[in-house]
Amino acid sequence: MNPIDWTARLPALKPATRVVLHAPSPQALARARGNFKNLSVAQPDAEIWIVVNAQAVQAVVDAPDEMGALLGQVLLCPNTLRNNQLTAPANIQVLPMGAVEAVARMQQDGWVYIRC
């Protein structure tokens, strides 16, 4: 059996592809960081955001420096912040609505959704 040439079989990403990486846990957040770095190198024109909710919010609030330069691409869920009596540091963006609604709106607008 010959291996499939996936490079030839898969279509290229369209220019300005928009990707939302969803991280609901600290482990998913770690995967999102790696996925973000890999995808941004492979597709420098892609717009990529990491939407963080649930237990991953605490991880970002507790150790924002672990996000490094990616911190500017992180969007925190206001519901999780409120429900856990957390305050986002000034340098971290908070969504204007819950993460689930924001992701649904992004998908509706053509964003590619990836759960990390």
N, C-alpha and C. Protein backbone atom coordinates (compact mmCIF):
# COMPACT_ATOMS: atom_id res chain seq x y z
N MET A 1 0.84 -1.18 0.00
CA MET A 1 0.00 0.00 0.00
C MET A 1 0.88 1.24 0.00
N ASN A 2 0.61 2.15 -0.93
CA ASN A 2 1.37 3.38 -1.02
C ASN A 2 0.80 4.43 -0.06
N PRO A 3 1.69 5.16 0.62
CA PRO A 3 1.18 6.21 1.51
C PRO A 3 0.53 7.33 0.69
N ILE A 4 -0.46 7.95 1.30
CA ILE A 4 -1.17 9.05 0.64
C ILE A 4 -0.34 10.32 0.77
N ASP A 5 -0.23 11.07 -0.31
CA ASP A 5 0.46 12.36 -0.30
C ASP A 5 -0.53 13.43 0.15
N TRP A 6 -0.58 13.66 1.47
CA TRP A 6 -1.55 14.60 2.02
C TRP A 6 -1.26 16.04 1.60
N THR A 7 -0.01 16.37 1.34
CA THR A 7 0.31 17.72 0.89
C THR A 7 -0.39 18.02 -0.43
N ALA A 8 -0.42 17.04 -1.31
CA ALA A 8 -1.07 17.24 -2.60
C ALA A 8 -2.59 17.13 -2.49
N ARG A 9 -3.08 16.35 -1.55
CA ARG A 9 -4.52 16.11 -1.42
C ARG A 9 -5.29 17.21 -0.71
N LEU A 10 -4.63 17.85 0.26
CA LEU A 10 -5.32 18.87 1.05
C LEU A 10 -5.21 20.24 0.38
N PRO A 11 -6.29 20.98 0.32
CA PRO A 11 -6.20 22.32 -0.28
C PRO A 11 -5.41 23.26 0.62
N ALA A 12 -4.80 24.24 0.02
CA ALA A 12 -4.08 25.26 0.80
C ALA A 12 -5.09 26.10 1.57
N LEU A 13 -4.66 26.63 2.69
CA LEU A 13 -5.52 27.56 3.41
C LEU A 13 -5.66 28.84 2.59
N LYS A 14 -6.84 29.39 2.61
CA LYS A 14 -7.08 30.64 1.90
C LYS A 14 -6.30 31.76 2.59
N PRO A 15 -5.87 32.75 1.81
CA PRO A 15 -5.21 33.90 2.45
C PRO A 15 -6.14 34.51 3.50
N ALA A 16 -5.56 34.99 4.56
CA ALA A 16 -6.30 35.63 5.65
C ALA A 16 -7.30 34.69 6.32
N THR A 17 -6.96 33.41 6.38
CA THR A 17 -7.79 32.46 7.13
C THR A 17 -7.84 32.91 8.59
N ARG A 18 -9.02 32.77 9.20
CA ARG A 18 -9.20 33.16 10.60
C ARG A 18 -9.47 31.91 11.42
N VAL A 19 -8.67 31.73 12.48
CA VAL A 19 -8.74 30.52 13.30
C VAL A 19 -8.95 30.92 14.75
N VAL A 20 -9.90 30.25 15.41
CA VAL A 20 -10.10 30.43 16.85
C VAL A 20 -9.73 29.12 17.53
N LEU A 21 -8.75 29.20 18.42
CA LEU A 21 -8.33 28.06 19.22
C LEU A 21 -9.03 28.17 20.57
N HIS A 22 -9.79 27.15 20.94
CA HIS A 22 -10.57 27.18 22.17
C HIS A 22 -9.85 26.38 23.24
N ALA A 23 -9.57 27.06 24.38
CA ALA A 23 -8.85 26.42 25.48
C ALA A 23 -9.68 26.51 26.76
N PRO A 24 -10.35 25.41 27.17
CA PRO A 24 -11.14 25.42 28.39
C PRO A 24 -10.43 24.84 29.63
N SER A 25 -9.22 24.34 29.47
CA SER A 25 -8.49 23.76 30.60
C SER A 25 -7.03 24.19 30.52
N PRO A 26 -6.30 24.09 31.63
CA PRO A 26 -4.87 24.42 31.56
C PRO A 26 -4.12 23.57 30.54
N GLN A 27 -4.48 22.29 30.43
CA GLN A 27 -3.82 21.43 29.44
C GLN A 27 -4.15 21.89 28.02
N ALA A 28 -5.40 22.26 27.80
CA ALA A 28 -5.79 22.76 26.48
C ALA A 28 -5.09 24.08 26.18
N LEU A 29 -4.89 24.90 27.19
CA LEU A 29 -4.19 26.17 27.01
C LEU A 29 -2.75 25.93 26.55
N ALA A 30 -2.10 24.94 27.16
CA ALA A 30 -0.74 24.59 26.74
C ALA A 30 -0.73 24.12 25.28
N ARG A 31 -1.71 23.31 24.91
CA ARG A 31 -1.80 22.85 23.52
C ARG A 31 -2.09 24.03 22.59
N ALA A 32 -2.95 24.95 23.02
CA ALA A 32 -3.27 26.11 22.19
C ALA A 32 -2.03 26.96 21.92
N ARG A 33 -1.19 27.12 22.94
CA ARG A 33 0.06 27.88 22.74
C ARG A 33 0.91 27.22 21.65
N GLY A 34 1.06 25.91 21.75
CA GLY A 34 1.85 25.21 20.74
C GLY A 34 1.21 25.28 19.37
N ASN A 35 -0.10 25.07 19.31
CA ASN A 35 -0.81 25.14 18.03
C ASN A 35 -0.70 26.52 17.42
N PHE A 36 -0.82 27.56 18.26
CA PHE A 36 -0.72 28.94 17.78
C PHE A 36 0.65 29.17 17.15
N LYS A 37 1.69 28.78 17.86
CA LYS A 37 3.05 29.00 17.35
C LYS A 37 3.27 28.26 16.04
N ASN A 38 2.87 26.99 15.99
CA ASN A 38 3.07 26.20 14.78
C ASN A 38 2.29 26.75 13.60
N LEU A 39 1.03 27.07 13.83
CA LEU A 39 0.19 27.57 12.74
C LEU A 39 0.64 28.94 12.25
N SER A 40 1.05 29.80 13.16
CA SER A 40 1.47 31.14 12.74
C SER A 40 2.77 31.10 11.94
N VAL A 41 3.62 30.10 12.20
CA VAL A 41 4.83 29.93 11.40
C VAL A 41 4.46 29.39 10.01
N ALA A 42 3.58 28.38 9.99
CA ALA A 42 3.20 27.75 8.72
C ALA A 42 2.31 28.67 7.88
N GLN A 43 1.48 29.48 8.54
CA GLN A 43 0.51 30.34 7.84
C GLN A 43 0.61 31.75 8.42
N PRO A 44 1.65 32.51 8.09
CA PRO A 44 1.86 33.83 8.70
C PRO A 44 0.75 34.83 8.43
N ASP A 45 -0.05 34.62 7.40
CA ASP A 45 -1.15 35.54 7.09
C ASP A 45 -2.44 35.20 7.83
N ALA A 46 -2.46 34.08 8.55
CA ALA A 46 -3.68 33.69 9.26
C ALA A 46 -3.89 34.59 10.48
N GLU A 47 -5.15 34.88 10.77
CA GLU A 47 -5.51 35.60 12.00
C GLU A 47 -5.90 34.53 13.01
N ILE A 48 -5.22 34.51 14.15
CA ILE A 48 -5.41 33.45 15.13
C ILE A 48 -5.66 34.07 16.51
N TRP A 49 -6.70 33.60 17.18
CA TRP A 49 -7.02 34.02 18.54
C TRP A 49 -7.20 32.80 19.41
N ILE A 50 -6.85 32.93 20.67
CA ILE A 50 -7.07 31.87 21.66
C ILE A 50 -8.19 32.34 22.58
N VAL A 51 -9.34 31.66 22.54
CA VAL A 51 -10.46 31.96 23.42
C VAL A 51 -10.36 31.04 24.63
N VAL A 52 -10.31 31.66 25.81
CA VAL A 52 -10.06 30.93 27.05
C VAL A 52 -11.28 31.02 27.95
N ASN A 53 -11.74 29.86 28.43
CA ASN A 53 -12.83 29.85 29.42
C ASN A 53 -12.60 28.73 30.41
N ALA A 54 -13.54 28.55 31.32
CA ALA A 54 -13.49 27.50 32.36
C ALA A 54 -12.17 27.56 33.13
N GLN A 55 -11.59 26.41 33.43
CA GLN A 55 -10.40 26.36 34.29
C GLN A 55 -9.18 27.03 33.68
N ALA A 56 -9.14 27.19 32.38
CA ALA A 56 -7.98 27.82 31.74
C ALA A 56 -7.88 29.30 32.08
N VAL A 57 -9.00 29.94 32.43
CA VAL A 57 -8.97 31.36 32.78
C VAL A 57 -8.09 31.57 34.01
N GLN A 58 -8.27 30.73 35.01
CA GLN A 58 -7.46 30.84 36.23
C GLN A 58 -5.98 30.70 35.89
N ALA A 59 -5.63 29.80 34.99
CA ALA A 59 -4.24 29.60 34.60
C ALA A 59 -3.65 30.86 33.96
N VAL A 60 -4.43 31.54 33.13
CA VAL A 60 -3.95 32.77 32.50
C VAL A 60 -3.81 33.88 33.54
N VAL A 61 -4.81 34.03 34.39
CA VAL A 61 -4.79 35.09 35.41
C VAL A 61 -3.63 34.86 36.39
N ASP A 62 -3.39 33.62 36.77
CA ASP A 62 -2.33 33.31 37.73
C ASP A 62 -0.93 33.47 37.14
N ALA A 63 -0.76 33.17 35.87
CA ALA A 63 0.58 33.18 35.27
C ALA A 63 0.53 33.73 33.84
N PRO A 64 0.18 35.00 33.68
CA PRO A 64 0.09 35.55 32.32
C PRO A 64 1.42 35.53 31.58
N ASP A 65 2.53 35.59 32.31
CA ASP A 65 3.84 35.58 31.65
C ASP A 65 4.10 34.29 30.89
N GLU A 66 3.44 33.20 31.30
CA GLU A 66 3.63 31.94 30.59
C GLU A 66 3.10 32.00 29.16
N MET A 67 2.20 32.95 28.89
CA MET A 67 1.68 33.12 27.54
C MET A 67 2.68 33.83 26.64
N GLY A 68 3.63 34.54 27.23
CA GLY A 68 4.64 35.25 26.45
C GLY A 68 4.00 36.24 25.49
N ALA A 69 4.54 36.30 24.28
CA ALA A 69 4.06 37.23 23.26
C ALA A 69 2.64 36.90 22.81
N LEU A 70 2.16 35.69 23.07
CA LEU A 70 0.82 35.31 22.65
C LEU A 70 -0.28 35.97 23.49
N LEU A 71 0.10 36.57 24.61
CA LEU A 71 -0.89 37.16 25.50
C LEU A 71 -1.79 38.15 24.78
N GLY A 72 -1.26 38.85 23.80
CA GLY A 72 -2.05 39.80 23.03
C GLY A 72 -3.10 39.16 22.15
N GLN A 73 -3.05 37.84 22.01
CA GLN A 73 -4.01 37.11 21.18
C GLN A 73 -4.96 36.27 22.02
N VAL A 74 -4.99 36.52 23.31
CA VAL A 74 -5.84 35.77 24.23
C VAL A 74 -7.09 36.57 24.55
N LEU A 75 -8.24 35.89 24.54
CA LEU A 75 -9.52 36.50 24.89
C LEU A 75 -10.14 35.69 26.03
N LEU A 76 -10.32 36.34 27.18
CA LEU A 76 -10.87 35.65 28.35
C LEU A 76 -12.39 35.75 28.39
N CYS A 77 -13.00 34.73 28.96
CA CYS A 77 -14.45 34.68 29.13
C CYS A 77 -14.86 35.51 30.35
N PRO A 78 -15.74 36.50 30.17
CA PRO A 78 -16.19 37.30 31.32
C PRO A 78 -17.05 36.50 32.29
N ASN A 79 -17.76 35.50 31.80
CA ASN A 79 -18.59 34.68 32.68
C ASN A 79 -17.73 33.90 33.67
N THR A 80 -16.65 33.32 33.17
CA THR A 80 -15.75 32.58 34.05
C THR A 80 -15.11 33.51 35.07
N LEU A 81 -14.69 34.69 34.62
CA LEU A 81 -14.11 35.66 35.55
C LEU A 81 -15.10 35.98 36.66
N ARG A 82 -16.32 36.32 36.27
CA ARG A 82 -17.35 36.71 37.24
C ARG A 82 -17.71 35.55 38.17
N ASN A 83 -17.91 34.37 37.61
CA ASN A 83 -18.32 33.21 38.40
C ASN A 83 -17.26 32.75 39.40
N ASN A 84 -16.02 33.11 39.14
CA ASN A 84 -14.92 32.71 40.03
C ASN A 84 -14.31 33.89 40.77
N GLN A 85 -15.01 35.02 40.75
CA GLN A 85 -14.56 36.23 41.42
C GLN A 85 -13.11 36.58 41.06
N LEU A 86 -12.81 36.52 39.76
CA LEU A 86 -11.47 36.84 39.26
C LEU A 86 -11.50 38.18 38.54
N THR A 87 -10.37 38.82 38.51
CA THR A 87 -10.20 40.06 37.77
C THR A 87 -9.06 39.86 36.78
N ALA A 88 -9.31 40.20 35.54
CA ALA A 88 -8.26 40.08 34.54
C ALA A 88 -7.27 41.24 34.69
N PRO A 89 -5.99 40.95 34.62
CA PRO A 89 -5.01 42.04 34.62
C PRO A 89 -5.28 42.98 33.43
N ALA A 90 -4.85 44.19 33.56
CA ALA A 90 -5.13 45.22 32.54
C ALA A 90 -4.63 44.86 31.15
N ASN A 91 -3.58 44.06 31.06
CA ASN A 91 -3.00 43.75 29.75
C ASN A 91 -3.62 42.52 29.07
N ILE A 92 -4.71 41.99 29.65
CA ILE A 92 -5.37 40.82 29.07
C ILE A 92 -6.77 41.22 28.60
N GLN A 93 -7.10 40.87 27.37
CA GLN A 93 -8.39 41.21 26.79
C GLN A 93 -9.49 40.29 27.31
N VAL A 94 -10.64 40.90 27.58
CA VAL A 94 -11.81 40.15 28.03
C VAL A 94 -12.89 40.30 26.95
N LEU A 95 -13.51 39.18 26.60
CA LEU A 95 -14.58 39.21 25.61
C LEU A 95 -15.76 40.03 26.12
N PRO A 96 -16.55 40.62 25.22
CA PRO A 96 -17.73 41.37 25.64
C PRO A 96 -18.93 40.48 25.94
N MET A 97 -18.79 39.19 25.71
CA MET A 97 -19.85 38.20 25.95
C MET A 97 -19.18 36.90 26.34
N GLY A 98 -19.96 35.93 26.77
CA GLY A 98 -19.41 34.63 27.14
C GLY A 98 -18.63 33.98 25.99
N ALA A 99 -17.67 33.16 26.36
CA ALA A 99 -16.82 32.52 25.36
C ALA A 99 -17.61 31.66 24.38
N VAL A 100 -18.60 30.93 24.87
CA VAL A 100 -19.38 30.05 23.99
C VAL A 100 -20.12 30.88 22.94
N GLU A 101 -20.74 31.97 23.37
CA GLU A 101 -21.44 32.83 22.41
C GLU A 101 -20.45 33.45 21.43
N ALA A 102 -19.30 33.90 21.93
CA ALA A 102 -18.30 34.51 21.05
C ALA A 102 -17.81 33.52 20.00
N VAL A 103 -17.53 32.28 20.42
CA VAL A 103 -17.08 31.26 19.48
C VAL A 103 -18.17 30.96 18.46
N ALA A 104 -19.42 30.87 18.90
CA ALA A 104 -20.53 30.62 17.97
C ALA A 104 -20.62 31.75 16.94
N ARG A 105 -20.46 32.98 17.39
CA ARG A 105 -20.51 34.11 16.47
C ARG A 105 -19.34 34.07 15.49
N MET A 106 -18.16 33.71 15.99
CA MET A 106 -16.99 33.62 15.12
C MET A 106 -17.19 32.55 14.06
N GLN A 107 -17.70 31.38 14.48
CA GLN A 107 -17.95 30.31 13.51
C GLN A 107 -18.98 30.75 12.47
N GLN A 108 -20.01 31.42 12.92
CA GLN A 108 -21.03 31.91 12.00
C GLN A 108 -20.45 32.87 10.99
N ASP A 109 -19.38 33.58 11.39
CA ASP A 109 -18.72 34.56 10.52
C ASP A 109 -17.59 33.94 9.70
N GLY A 110 -17.45 32.61 9.75
CA GLY A 110 -16.49 31.93 8.89
C GLY A 110 -15.17 31.57 9.54
N TRP A 111 -15.02 31.78 10.83
CA TRP A 111 -13.80 31.40 11.52
C TRP A 111 -13.72 29.87 11.60
N VAL A 112 -12.50 29.34 11.51
CA VAL A 112 -12.26 27.92 11.69
C VAL A 112 -12.10 27.69 13.19
N TYR A 113 -12.88 26.76 13.75
CA TYR A 113 -12.85 26.46 15.17
C TYR A 113 -12.02 25.22 15.44
N ILE A 114 -11.10 25.33 16.41
CA ILE A 114 -10.32 24.17 16.82
C ILE A 114 -10.33 24.11 18.34
N ARG A 115 -10.84 23.02 18.87
CA ARG A 115 -10.82 22.80 20.32
C ARG A 115 -9.47 22.17 20.65
N CYS A 116 -8.75 22.79 21.53
CA CYS A 116 -7.40 22.30 21.85
C CYS A 116 -7.40 21.28 22.96
